[in-house]
Structures are given as structure tokens and as C-alpha cells.
All heavy atoms as atom14 arrays in JSON, in Angstrom:
{
  "sequence": "LSRPEGFIFSFLSLSSGFGFMILHRIFPKTEPIGDRRERVAFMMAGFL",
  "atom14_mask": [
    [1, 1, 1, 1, 1, 1, 1, 1, 0, 0, 0, 0, 0, 0],
    [1, 1, 1, 1, 1, 1, 0, 0, 0, 0, 0, 0, 0, 0],
    [1, 1, 1, 1, 1, 1, 1, 1, 1, 1, 1, 0, 0, 0],
    [1, 1, 1, 1, 1, 1, 1, 0, 0, 0, 0, 0, 0, 0],
    [1, 1, 1, 1, 1, 1, 1, 1, 1, 0, 0, 0, 0, 0],
    [1, 1, 1, 1, 0, 0, 0, 0, 0, 0, 0, 0, 0, 0],
    [1, 1, 1, 1, 1, 1, 1, 1, 1, 1, 1, 0, 0, 0],
    [1, 1, 1, 1, 1, 1, 1, 1, 0, 0, 0, 0, 0, 0],
    [1, 1, 1, 1, 1, 1, 1, 1, 1, 1, 1, 0, 0, 0],
    [1, 1, 1, 1, 1, 1, 0, 0, 0, 0, 0, 0, 0, 0],
    [1, 1, 1, 1, 1, 1, 1, 1, 1, 1, 1, 0, 0, 0],
    [1, 1, 1, 1, 1, 1, 1, 1, 0, 0, 0, 0, 0, 0],
    [1, 1, 1, 1, 1, 1, 0, 0, 0, 0, 0, 0, 0, 0],
    [1, 1, 1, 1, 1, 1, 1, 1, 0, 0, 0, 0, 0, 0],
    [1, 1, 1, 1, 1, 1, 0, 0, 0, 0, 0, 0, 0, 0],
    [1, 1, 1, 1, 1, 1, 0, 0, 0, 0, 0, 0, 0, 0],
    [1, 1, 1, 1, 0, 0, 0, 0, 0, 0, 0, 0, 0, 0],
    [1, 1, 1, 1, 1, 1, 1, 1, 1, 1, 1, 0, 0, 0],
    [1, 1, 1, 1, 0, 0, 0, 0, 0, 0, 0, 0, 0, 0],
    [1, 1, 1, 1, 1, 1, 1, 1, 1, 1, 1, 0, 0, 0],
    [1, 1, 1, 1, 1, 1, 1, 1, 0, 0, 0, 0, 0, 0],
    [1, 1, 1, 1, 1, 1, 1, 1, 0, 0, 0, 0, 0, 0],
    [1, 1, 1, 1, 1, 1, 1, 1, 0, 0, 0, 0, 0, 0],
    [1, 1, 1, 1, 1, 1, 1, 1, 1, 1, 0, 0, 0, 0],
    [1, 1, 1, 1, 1, 1, 1, 1, 1, 1, 1, 0, 0, 0],
    [1, 1, 1, 1, 1, 1, 1, 1, 0, 0, 0, 0, 0, 0],
    [1, 1, 1, 1, 1, 1, 1, 1, 1, 1, 1, 0, 0, 0],
    [1, 1, 1, 1, 1, 1, 1, 0, 0, 0, 0, 0, 0, 0],
    [1, 1, 1, 1, 1, 1, 1, 1, 1, 0, 0, 0, 0, 0],
    [1, 1, 1, 1, 1, 1, 1, 0, 0, 0, 0, 0, 0, 0],
    [1, 1, 1, 1, 1, 1, 1, 1, 1, 0, 0, 0, 0, 0],
    [1, 1, 1, 1, 1, 1, 1, 0, 0, 0, 0, 0, 0, 0],
    [1, 1, 1, 1, 1, 1, 1, 1, 0, 0, 0, 0, 0, 0],
    [1, 1, 1, 1, 0, 0, 0, 0, 0, 0, 0, 0, 0, 0],
    [1, 1, 1, 1, 1, 1, 1, 1, 0, 0, 0, 0, 0, 0],
    [1, 1, 1, 1, 1, 1, 1, 1, 1, 1, 1, 0, 0, 0],
    [1, 1, 1, 1, 1, 1, 1, 1, 1, 1, 1, 0, 0, 0],
    [1, 1, 1, 1, 1, 1, 1, 1, 1, 0, 0, 0, 0, 0],
    [1, 1, 1, 1, 1, 1, 1, 1, 1, 1, 1, 0, 0, 0],
    [1, 1, 1, 1, 1, 1, 1, 0, 0, 0, 0, 0, 0, 0],
    [1, 1, 1, 1, 1, 0, 0, 0, 0, 0, 0, 0, 0, 0],
    [1, 1, 1, 1, 1, 1, 1, 1, 1, 1, 1, 0, 0, 0],
    [1, 1, 1, 1, 1, 1, 1, 1, 0, 0, 0, 0, 0, 0],
    [1, 1, 1, 1, 1, 1, 1, 1, 0, 0, 0, 0, 0, 0],
    [1, 1, 1, 1, 1, 0, 0, 0, 0, 0, 0, 0, 0, 0],
    [1, 1, 1, 1, 0, 0, 0, 0, 0, 0, 0, 0, 0, 0],
    [1, 1, 1, 1, 1, 1, 1, 1, 1, 1, 1, 0, 0, 0],
    [1, 1, 1, 1, 1, 1, 1, 1, 0, 0, 0, 0, 0, 0]
  ],
  "atom14_positions": [
    [[134.8, 94.35, 91.12], [136.17, 94.17, 91.62], [137.16, 93.91, 90.49], [138.37, 93.89, 90.73], [136.21, 92.98, 92.59], [135.43, 93.13, 93.89], [135.46, 91.81, 94.67], [135.97, 94.26, 94.74], [0.0, 0.0, 0.0], [0.0, 0.0, 0.0], [0.0, 0.0, 0.0], [0.0, 0.0, 0.0], [0.0, 0.0, 0.0], [0.0, 0.0, 0.0]],
    [[136.66, 93.71, 89.28], [137.52, 93.31, 88.18], [138.13, 94.5, 87.46], [139.35, 94.59, 87.32], [136.74, 92.45, 87.18], [136.32, 91.26, 87.8], [0.0, 0.0, 0.0], [0.0, 0.0, 0.0], [0.0, 0.0, 0.0], [0.0, 0.0, 0.0], [0.0, 0.0, 0.0], [0.0, 0.0, 0.0], [0.0, 0.0, 0.0], [0.0, 0.0, 0.0]],
    [[137.28, 95.41, 86.98], [137.76, 96.6, 86.29], [136.86, 97.78, 86.66], [135.71, 97.57, 87.05], [137.77, 96.4, 84.78], [138.97, 95.63, 84.24], [138.95, 95.58, 82.73], [139.05, 96.9, 82.12], [140.21, 97.48, 81.8], [141.36, 96.88, 82.06], [140.22, 98.67, 81.23], [0.0, 0.0, 0.0], [0.0, 0.0, 0.0], [0.0, 0.0, 0.0]],
    [[137.34, 99.02, 86.5], [136.53, 100.18, 86.9], [135.17, 100.23, 86.21], [134.16, 100.56, 86.83], [137.41, 101.37, 86.48], [138.79, 100.85, 86.5], [138.7, 99.43, 86.08], [0.0, 0.0, 0.0], [0.0, 0.0, 0.0], [0.0, 0.0, 0.0], [0.0, 0.0, 0.0], [0.0, 0.0, 0.0], [0.0, 0.0, 0.0], [0.0, 0.0, 0.0]],
    [[135.14, 99.9, 84.88], [133.86, 99.99, 84.18], [132.89, 98.9, 84.59], [131.71, 98.94, 84.2], [134.09, 99.95, 82.66], [134.76, 98.7, 82.13], [136.26, 98.83, 82.02], [136.88, 99.39, 82.95], [136.83, 98.37, 81.03], [0.0, 0.0, 0.0], [0.0, 0.0, 0.0], [0.0, 0.0, 0.0], [0.0, 0.0, 0.0], [0.0, 0.0, 0.0]],
    [[133.34, 97.94, 85.38], [132.45, 96.88, 85.84], [131.34, 97.37, 86.75], [130.3, 96.71, 86.88], [0.0, 0.0, 0.0], [0.0, 0.0, 0.0], [0.0, 0.0, 0.0], [0.0, 0.0, 0.0], [0.0, 0.0, 0.0], [0.0, 0.0, 0.0], [0.0, 0.0, 0.0], [0.0, 0.0, 0.0], [0.0, 0.0, 0.0], [0.0, 0.0, 0.0]],
    [[131.53, 98.56, 87.35], [130.51, 99.06, 88.27], [129.25, 99.49, 87.52], [128.18, 99.63, 88.13], [131.06, 100.25, 89.07], [130.81, 101.59, 88.44], [129.73, 102.36, 88.82], [131.65, 102.07, 87.45], [129.49, 103.6, 88.23], [131.44, 103.29, 86.86], [130.34, 104.07, 87.24], [0.0, 0.0, 0.0], [0.0, 0.0, 0.0], [0.0, 0.0, 0.0]],
    [[129.35, 99.72, 86.2], [128.2, 100.2, 85.43], [127.02, 99.24, 85.55], [125.86, 99.66, 85.66], [128.59, 100.38, 83.95], [129.63, 101.51, 83.83], [127.38, 100.68, 83.08], [130.2, 101.66, 82.43], [0.0, 0.0, 0.0], [0.0, 0.0, 0.0], [0.0, 0.0, 0.0], [0.0, 0.0, 0.0], [0.0, 0.0, 0.0], [0.0, 0.0, 0.0]],
    [[127.3, 97.94, 85.56], [126.22, 96.96, 85.67], [125.51, 97.07, 87.01], [124.29, 96.92, 87.09], [126.76, 95.55, 85.47], [127.38, 95.32, 84.12], [128.75, 95.27, 83.97], [126.57, 95.18, 83.0], [129.31, 95.07, 82.72], [127.12, 94.98, 81.75], [128.51, 94.94, 81.61], [0.0, 0.0, 0.0], [0.0, 0.0, 0.0], [0.0, 0.0, 0.0]],
    [[126.26, 97.33, 88.08], [125.64, 97.5, 89.39], [124.78, 98.76, 89.42], [123.67, 98.76, 89.98], [126.73, 97.59, 90.47], [127.46, 96.4, 90.55], [0.0, 0.0, 0.0], [0.0, 0.0, 0.0], [0.0, 0.0, 0.0], [0.0, 0.0, 0.0], [0.0, 0.0, 0.0], [0.0, 0.0, 0.0], [0.0, 0.0, 0.0], [0.0, 0.0, 0.0]],
    [[125.28, 99.83, 88.81], [124.51, 101.07, 88.76], [123.21, 100.86, 87.99], [122.14, 101.32, 88.41], [125.35, 102.17, 88.11], [124.58, 103.44, 87.88], [124.32, 104.31, 88.93], [124.12, 103.77, 86.61], [123.6, 105.48, 88.72], [123.41, 104.93, 86.39], [123.15, 105.8, 87.45], [0.0, 0.0, 0.0], [0.0, 0.0, 0.0], [0.0, 0.0, 0.0]],
    [[123.28, 100.16, 86.87], [122.08, 99.91, 86.07], [121.09, 99.03, 86.82], [119.87, 99.25, 86.75], [122.46, 99.25, 84.75], [123.21, 100.12, 83.74], [123.64, 99.29, 82.53], [122.36, 101.29, 83.3], [0.0, 0.0, 0.0], [0.0, 0.0, 0.0], [0.0, 0.0, 0.0], [0.0, 0.0, 0.0], [0.0, 0.0, 0.0], [0.0, 0.0, 0.0]],
    [[121.59, 98.05, 87.55], [120.72, 97.16, 88.3], [119.99, 97.92, 89.4], [118.77, 97.79, 89.57], [121.55, 96.02, 88.91], [120.74, 95.17, 89.68], [0.0, 0.0, 0.0], [0.0, 0.0, 0.0], [0.0, 0.0, 0.0], [0.0, 0.0, 0.0], [0.0, 0.0, 0.0], [0.0, 0.0, 0.0], [0.0, 0.0, 0.0], [0.0, 0.0, 0.0]],
    [[120.74, 98.74, 90.15], [120.14, 99.5, 91.24], [119.14, 100.52, 90.71], [118.01, 100.62, 91.21], [121.23, 100.21, 92.04], [120.77, 101.13, 93.18], [120.01, 100.33, 94.24], [121.95, 101.86, 93.81], [0.0, 0.0, 0.0], [0.0, 0.0, 0.0], [0.0, 0.0, 0.0], [0.0, 0.0, 0.0], [0.0, 0.0, 0.0], [0.0, 0.0, 0.0]],
    [[119.52, 101.26, 89.68], [118.66, 102.33, 89.17], [117.42, 101.77, 88.49], [116.33, 102.34, 88.6], [119.44, 103.21, 88.2], [119.96, 102.47, 87.12], [0.0, 0.0, 0.0], [0.0, 0.0, 0.0], [0.0, 0.0, 0.0], [0.0, 0.0, 0.0], [0.0, 0.0, 0.0], [0.0, 0.0, 0.0], [0.0, 0.0, 0.0], [0.0, 0.0, 0.0]],
    [[117.55, 100.62, 87.78], [116.38, 100.05, 87.11], [115.38, 99.51, 88.13], [114.17, 99.74, 88.01], [116.8, 98.95, 86.14], [117.46, 97.9, 86.82], [0.0, 0.0, 0.0], [0.0, 0.0, 0.0], [0.0, 0.0, 0.0], [0.0, 0.0, 0.0], [0.0, 0.0, 0.0], [0.0, 0.0, 0.0], [0.0, 0.0, 0.0], [0.0, 0.0, 0.0]],
    [[115.87, 98.79, 89.16], [114.98, 98.29, 90.19], [114.27, 99.41, 90.92], [113.04, 99.35, 91.14], [0.0, 0.0, 0.0], [0.0, 0.0, 0.0], [0.0, 0.0, 0.0], [0.0, 0.0, 0.0], [0.0, 0.0, 0.0], [0.0, 0.0, 0.0], [0.0, 0.0, 0.0], [0.0, 0.0, 0.0], [0.0, 0.0, 0.0], [0.0, 0.0, 0.0]],
    [[115.03, 100.45, 91.28], [114.45, 101.6, 91.98], [113.49, 102.36, 91.07], [112.41, 102.77, 91.48], [115.57, 102.52, 92.45], [115.1, 103.69, 93.28], [114.68, 103.51, 94.58], [115.07, 104.97, 92.74], [114.23, 104.58, 95.35], [114.64, 106.04, 93.49], [114.22, 105.86, 94.81], [0.0, 0.0, 0.0], [0.0, 0.0, 0.0], [0.0, 0.0, 0.0]],
    [[113.88, 102.54, 89.8], [113.04, 103.29, 88.87], [111.72, 102.61, 88.6], [110.66, 103.26, 88.58], [0.0, 0.0, 0.0], [0.0, 0.0, 0.0], [0.0, 0.0, 0.0], [0.0, 0.0, 0.0], [0.0, 0.0, 0.0], [0.0, 0.0, 0.0], [0.0, 0.0, 0.0], [0.0, 0.0, 0.0], [0.0, 0.0, 0.0], [0.0, 0.0, 0.0]],
    [[111.74, 101.29, 88.4], [110.5, 100.56, 88.15], [109.58, 100.58, 89.36], [108.36, 100.63, 89.23], [110.81, 99.12, 87.74], [111.46, 99.0, 86.39], [112.44, 98.04, 86.16], [111.1, 99.84, 85.36], [113.05, 97.93, 84.93], [111.7, 99.73, 84.11], [112.68, 98.78, 83.89], [0.0, 0.0, 0.0], [0.0, 0.0, 0.0], [0.0, 0.0, 0.0]],
    [[110.18, 100.58, 90.56], [109.37, 100.63, 91.78], [108.68, 101.99, 91.91], [107.5, 102.08, 92.26], [110.25, 100.34, 93.0], [109.48, 100.19, 94.29], [110.49, 99.54, 95.64], [110.69, 97.84, 95.13], [0.0, 0.0, 0.0], [0.0, 0.0, 0.0], [0.0, 0.0, 0.0], [0.0, 0.0, 0.0], [0.0, 0.0, 0.0], [0.0, 0.0, 0.0]],
    [[109.42, 103.07, 91.6], [108.84, 104.41, 91.66], [107.74, 104.57, 90.62], [106.66, 105.12, 90.9], [109.94, 105.47, 91.45], [110.93, 105.45, 92.62], [109.32, 106.86, 91.3], [110.33, 105.78, 93.96], [0.0, 0.0, 0.0], [0.0, 0.0, 0.0], [0.0, 0.0, 0.0], [0.0, 0.0, 0.0], [0.0, 0.0, 0.0], [0.0, 0.0, 0.0]],
    [[108.0, 104.09, 89.4], [106.99, 104.2, 88.34], [105.71, 103.47, 88.72], [104.6, 103.95, 88.44], [107.55, 103.63, 87.04], [108.56, 104.5, 86.29], [109.13, 103.75, 85.1], [107.91, 105.81, 85.83], [0.0, 0.0, 0.0], [0.0, 0.0, 0.0], [0.0, 0.0, 0.0], [0.0, 0.0, 0.0], [0.0, 0.0, 0.0], [0.0, 0.0, 0.0]],
    [[105.86, 102.31, 89.36], [104.67, 101.54, 89.75], [103.9, 102.28, 90.85], [102.66, 102.19, 90.89], [105.09, 100.16, 90.23], [103.92, 99.28, 90.57], [102.88, 99.02, 89.7], [103.62, 98.61, 91.72], [102.0, 98.22, 90.29], [102.43, 97.96, 91.51], [0.0, 0.0, 0.0], [0.0, 0.0, 0.0], [0.0, 0.0, 0.0], [0.0, 0.0, 0.0]],
    [[104.59, 103.0, 91.71], [103.89, 103.77, 92.75], [103.18, 104.97, 92.16], [102.09, 105.35, 92.6], [104.88, 104.2, 93.83], [105.34, 103.07, 94.74], [106.23, 103.58, 95.86], [106.62, 102.52, 96.75], [105.9, 102.1, 97.79], [104.72, 102.66, 98.04], [106.32, 101.13, 98.57], [0.0, 0.0, 0.0], [0.0, 0.0, 0.0], [0.0, 0.0, 0.0]],
    [[103.8, 105.6, 91.15], [103.18, 106.77, 90.53], [102.0, 106.36, 89.66], [100.96, 107.03, 89.64], [104.23, 107.53, 89.68], [105.34, 108.08, 90.6], [103.57, 108.68, 88.91], [106.47, 108.74, 89.84], [0.0, 0.0, 0.0], [0.0, 0.0, 0.0], [0.0, 0.0, 0.0], [0.0, 0.0, 0.0], [0.0, 0.0, 0.0], [0.0, 0.0, 0.0]],
    [[102.17, 105.24, 88.95], [101.1, 104.75, 88.06], [100.71, 103.34, 88.5], [101.04, 102.35, 87.84], [101.58, 104.73, 86.61], [102.11, 106.06, 86.14], [103.49, 106.24, 86.02], [101.26, 107.1, 85.82], [104.0, 107.46, 85.58], [101.75, 108.31, 85.38], [103.13, 108.5, 85.26], [0.0, 0.0, 0.0], [0.0, 0.0, 0.0], [0.0, 0.0, 0.0]],
    [[99.98, 103.25, 89.64], [99.68, 101.92, 90.21], [98.79, 101.05, 89.32], [98.79, 99.83, 89.47], [98.96, 102.27, 91.53], [98.42, 103.64, 91.31], [99.41, 104.33, 90.43], [0.0, 0.0, 0.0], [0.0, 0.0, 0.0], [0.0, 0.0, 0.0], [0.0, 0.0, 0.0], [0.0, 0.0, 0.0], [0.0, 0.0, 0.0], [0.0, 0.0, 0.0]],
    [[98.06, 101.64, 88.4], [97.16, 100.86, 87.55], [97.86, 100.25, 86.35], [97.29, 99.43, 85.64], [95.98, 101.73, 87.09], [95.07, 102.16, 88.22], [93.88, 102.95, 87.7], [92.95, 103.38, 88.84], [91.79, 104.14, 88.33], [0.0, 0.0, 0.0], [0.0, 0.0, 0.0], [0.0, 0.0, 0.0], [0.0, 0.0, 0.0], [0.0, 0.0, 0.0]],
    [[99.09, 100.67, 86.12], [99.83, 100.12, 84.98], [100.37, 98.74, 85.32], [100.55, 98.39, 86.49], [101.0, 101.03, 84.58], [101.88, 101.17, 85.7], [100.5, 102.4, 84.17], [0.0, 0.0, 0.0], [0.0, 0.0, 0.0], [0.0, 0.0, 0.0], [0.0, 0.0, 0.0], [0.0, 0.0, 0.0], [0.0, 0.0, 0.0], [0.0, 0.0, 0.0]],
    [[100.65, 97.96, 84.29], [101.21, 96.62, 84.49], [102.64, 96.76, 84.99], [103.48, 97.37, 84.34], [101.2, 95.85, 83.16], [101.68, 94.41, 83.28], [100.7, 93.52, 84.04], [99.5, 93.89, 84.12], [101.14, 92.47, 84.54], [0.0, 0.0, 0.0], [0.0, 0.0, 0.0], [0.0, 0.0, 0.0], [0.0, 0.0, 0.0], [0.0, 0.0, 0.0]],
    [[102.96, 96.24, 86.19], [104.32, 96.39, 86.73], [105.33, 95.57, 85.94], [105.0, 94.54, 85.36], [104.2, 95.86, 88.16], [103.07, 94.88, 88.1], [102.1, 95.44, 87.08], [0.0, 0.0, 0.0], [0.0, 0.0, 0.0], [0.0, 0.0, 0.0], [0.0, 0.0, 0.0], [0.0, 0.0, 0.0], [0.0, 0.0, 0.0], [0.0, 0.0, 0.0]],
    [[106.55, 96.08, 85.89], [107.65, 95.36, 85.25], [108.3, 94.48, 86.3], [109.08, 94.93, 87.14], [108.68, 96.35, 84.65], [108.0, 97.27, 83.64], [109.83, 95.59, 84.0], [108.91, 98.3, 83.05], [0.0, 0.0, 0.0], [0.0, 0.0, 0.0], [0.0, 0.0, 0.0], [0.0, 0.0, 0.0], [0.0, 0.0, 0.0], [0.0, 0.0, 0.0]],
    [[107.96, 93.2, 86.29], [108.45, 92.28, 87.32], [107.68, 92.47, 88.61], [107.05, 93.5, 88.84], [0.0, 0.0, 0.0], [0.0, 0.0, 0.0], [0.0, 0.0, 0.0], [0.0, 0.0, 0.0], [0.0, 0.0, 0.0], [0.0, 0.0, 0.0], [0.0, 0.0, 0.0], [0.0, 0.0, 0.0], [0.0, 0.0, 0.0], [0.0, 0.0, 0.0]],
    [[107.71, 91.47, 89.48], [107.04, 91.63, 90.76], [107.95, 92.35, 91.74], [109.11, 92.65, 91.46], [106.58, 90.27, 91.31], [107.74, 89.3, 91.47], [108.88, 89.75, 91.73], [107.53, 88.08, 91.33], [0.0, 0.0, 0.0], [0.0, 0.0, 0.0], [0.0, 0.0, 0.0], [0.0, 0.0, 0.0], [0.0, 0.0, 0.0], [0.0, 0.0, 0.0]],
    [[107.4, 92.64, 92.94], [108.14, 93.43, 93.92], [109.42, 92.73, 94.34], [110.47, 93.36, 94.52], [107.26, 93.69, 95.14], [107.91, 94.61, 96.17], [106.95, 94.88, 97.34], [107.54, 95.83, 98.26], [108.42, 95.51, 99.2], [108.82, 94.24, 99.33], [108.91, 96.42, 100.01], [0.0, 0.0, 0.0], [0.0, 0.0, 0.0], [0.0, 0.0, 0.0]],
    [[109.37, 91.41, 94.48], [110.54, 90.63, 94.89], [111.67, 90.81, 93.87], [112.85, 90.96, 94.25], [110.16, 89.16, 95.01], [111.34, 88.23, 95.28], [110.86, 86.79, 95.41], [111.99, 85.87, 95.39], [112.52, 85.37, 94.28], [112.03, 85.73, 93.1], [113.54, 84.53, 94.33], [0.0, 0.0, 0.0], [0.0, 0.0, 0.0], [0.0, 0.0, 0.0]],
    [[111.33, 90.8, 92.6], [112.35, 90.94, 91.56], [112.96, 92.33, 91.58], [114.17, 92.5, 91.43], [111.74, 90.63, 90.2], [111.36, 89.16, 90.03], [110.58, 88.91, 88.76], [110.04, 89.88, 88.2], [110.49, 87.75, 88.34], [0.0, 0.0, 0.0], [0.0, 0.0, 0.0], [0.0, 0.0, 0.0], [0.0, 0.0, 0.0], [0.0, 0.0, 0.0]],
    [[112.12, 93.35, 91.75], [112.64, 94.72, 91.77], [113.56, 94.92, 92.97], [114.61, 95.56, 92.86], [111.47, 95.72, 91.78], [110.63, 95.69, 90.51], [109.7, 96.89, 90.45], [108.65, 96.84, 91.46], [107.48, 96.26, 91.31], [107.19, 95.66, 90.15], [106.58, 96.27, 92.27], [0.0, 0.0, 0.0], [0.0, 0.0, 0.0], [0.0, 0.0, 0.0]],
    [[113.18, 94.38, 94.12], [114.03, 94.5, 95.31], [115.34, 93.73, 95.1], [116.41, 94.2, 95.51], [113.28, 93.97, 96.56], [114.23, 93.86, 97.74], [112.12, 94.89, 96.91], [0.0, 0.0, 0.0], [0.0, 0.0, 0.0], [0.0, 0.0, 0.0], [0.0, 0.0, 0.0], [0.0, 0.0, 0.0], [0.0, 0.0, 0.0], [0.0, 0.0, 0.0]],
    [[115.26, 92.58, 94.45], [116.47, 91.8, 94.2], [117.45, 92.57, 93.33], [118.66, 92.58, 93.59], [116.09, 90.48, 93.52], [0.0, 0.0, 0.0], [0.0, 0.0, 0.0], [0.0, 0.0, 0.0], [0.0, 0.0, 0.0], [0.0, 0.0, 0.0], [0.0, 0.0, 0.0], [0.0, 0.0, 0.0], [0.0, 0.0, 0.0], [0.0, 0.0, 0.0]],
    [[116.95, 93.25, 92.3], [117.82, 94.05, 91.44], [118.44, 95.21, 92.22], [119.62, 95.54, 92.05], [117.04, 94.58, 90.24], [117.03, 93.64, 89.08], [116.0, 92.72, 88.91], [118.06, 93.66, 88.15], [115.99, 91.85, 87.83], [118.06, 92.79, 87.07], [117.02, 91.88, 86.92], [0.0, 0.0, 0.0], [0.0, 0.0, 0.0], [0.0, 0.0, 0.0]],
    [[117.63, 95.85, 93.09], [118.14, 96.96, 93.88], [119.24, 96.5, 94.85], [120.3, 97.12, 94.95], [116.99, 97.62, 94.65], [116.01, 98.38, 93.77], [114.54, 98.92, 94.68], [115.29, 99.98, 95.93], [0.0, 0.0, 0.0], [0.0, 0.0, 0.0], [0.0, 0.0, 0.0], [0.0, 0.0, 0.0], [0.0, 0.0, 0.0], [0.0, 0.0, 0.0]],
    [[119.0, 95.4, 95.54], [119.98, 94.91, 96.52], [121.26, 94.44, 95.83], [122.36, 94.71, 96.31], [119.36, 93.77, 97.34], [118.25, 94.22, 98.27], [118.82, 95.47, 99.46], [120.08, 94.55, 100.35], [0.0, 0.0, 0.0], [0.0, 0.0, 0.0], [0.0, 0.0, 0.0], [0.0, 0.0, 0.0], [0.0, 0.0, 0.0], [0.0, 0.0, 0.0]],
    [[121.11, 93.74, 94.71], [122.29, 93.27, 93.99], [123.12, 94.45, 93.5], [124.36, 94.46, 93.62], [121.86, 92.39, 92.81], [0.0, 0.0, 0.0], [0.0, 0.0, 0.0], [0.0, 0.0, 0.0], [0.0, 0.0, 0.0], [0.0, 0.0, 0.0], [0.0, 0.0, 0.0], [0.0, 0.0, 0.0], [0.0, 0.0, 0.0], [0.0, 0.0, 0.0]],
    [[122.45, 95.45, 92.95], [123.17, 96.64, 92.49], [123.85, 97.37, 93.62], [124.98, 97.87, 93.48], [0.0, 0.0, 0.0], [0.0, 0.0, 0.0], [0.0, 0.0, 0.0], [0.0, 0.0, 0.0], [0.0, 0.0, 0.0], [0.0, 0.0, 0.0], [0.0, 0.0, 0.0], [0.0, 0.0, 0.0], [0.0, 0.0, 0.0], [0.0, 0.0, 0.0]],
    [[123.18, 97.46, 94.77], [123.74, 98.13, 95.93], [125.01, 97.42, 96.41], [126.03, 98.07, 96.7], [122.7, 98.16, 97.05], [123.16, 98.86, 98.3], [123.39, 100.23, 98.31], [123.37, 98.14, 99.47], [123.82, 100.87, 99.46], [123.8, 98.77, 100.62], [124.03, 100.14, 100.61], [0.0, 0.0, 0.0], [0.0, 0.0, 0.0], [0.0, 0.0, 0.0]],
    [[124.98, 96.1, 96.46], [126.16, 95.34, 96.88], [127.31, 95.52, 95.89], [128.48, 95.63, 96.28], [125.8, 93.86, 97.0], [124.86, 93.49, 98.15], [124.46, 92.02, 98.06], [125.5, 93.78, 99.51], [0.0, 0.0, 0.0], [0.0, 0.0, 0.0], [0.0, 0.0, 0.0], [0.0, 0.0, 0.0], [0.0, 0.0, 0.0], [0.0, 0.0, 0.0]]
  ]
}
């Protein structure tokens, strides 16, 4: 709400949470980056 470029942080939060979740599904044996709760939190925060 502050400046136009401020949305970049929301985009990064949403895309990183979503991306890490997809990577963990594709490579389930790899060590996940954060737990599922954290990834969902980043996605929801970015979406808002």
C-alpha cells in the first residue's frame, strides 16, 4: 500500500513458498526448505 515497488516482496513471498512446496513434491526425498506450515505462511502472506 506504500509504493508500487512494494508489491515485489509479496510476489517473492508467494512464489518462494509455492516453489519450495512444488520442489518438495517433485523431490520428496530431499531435505525440505522449512516445514509445510512455514511454506503455507509465506504463500498466504504473499497472496494477501
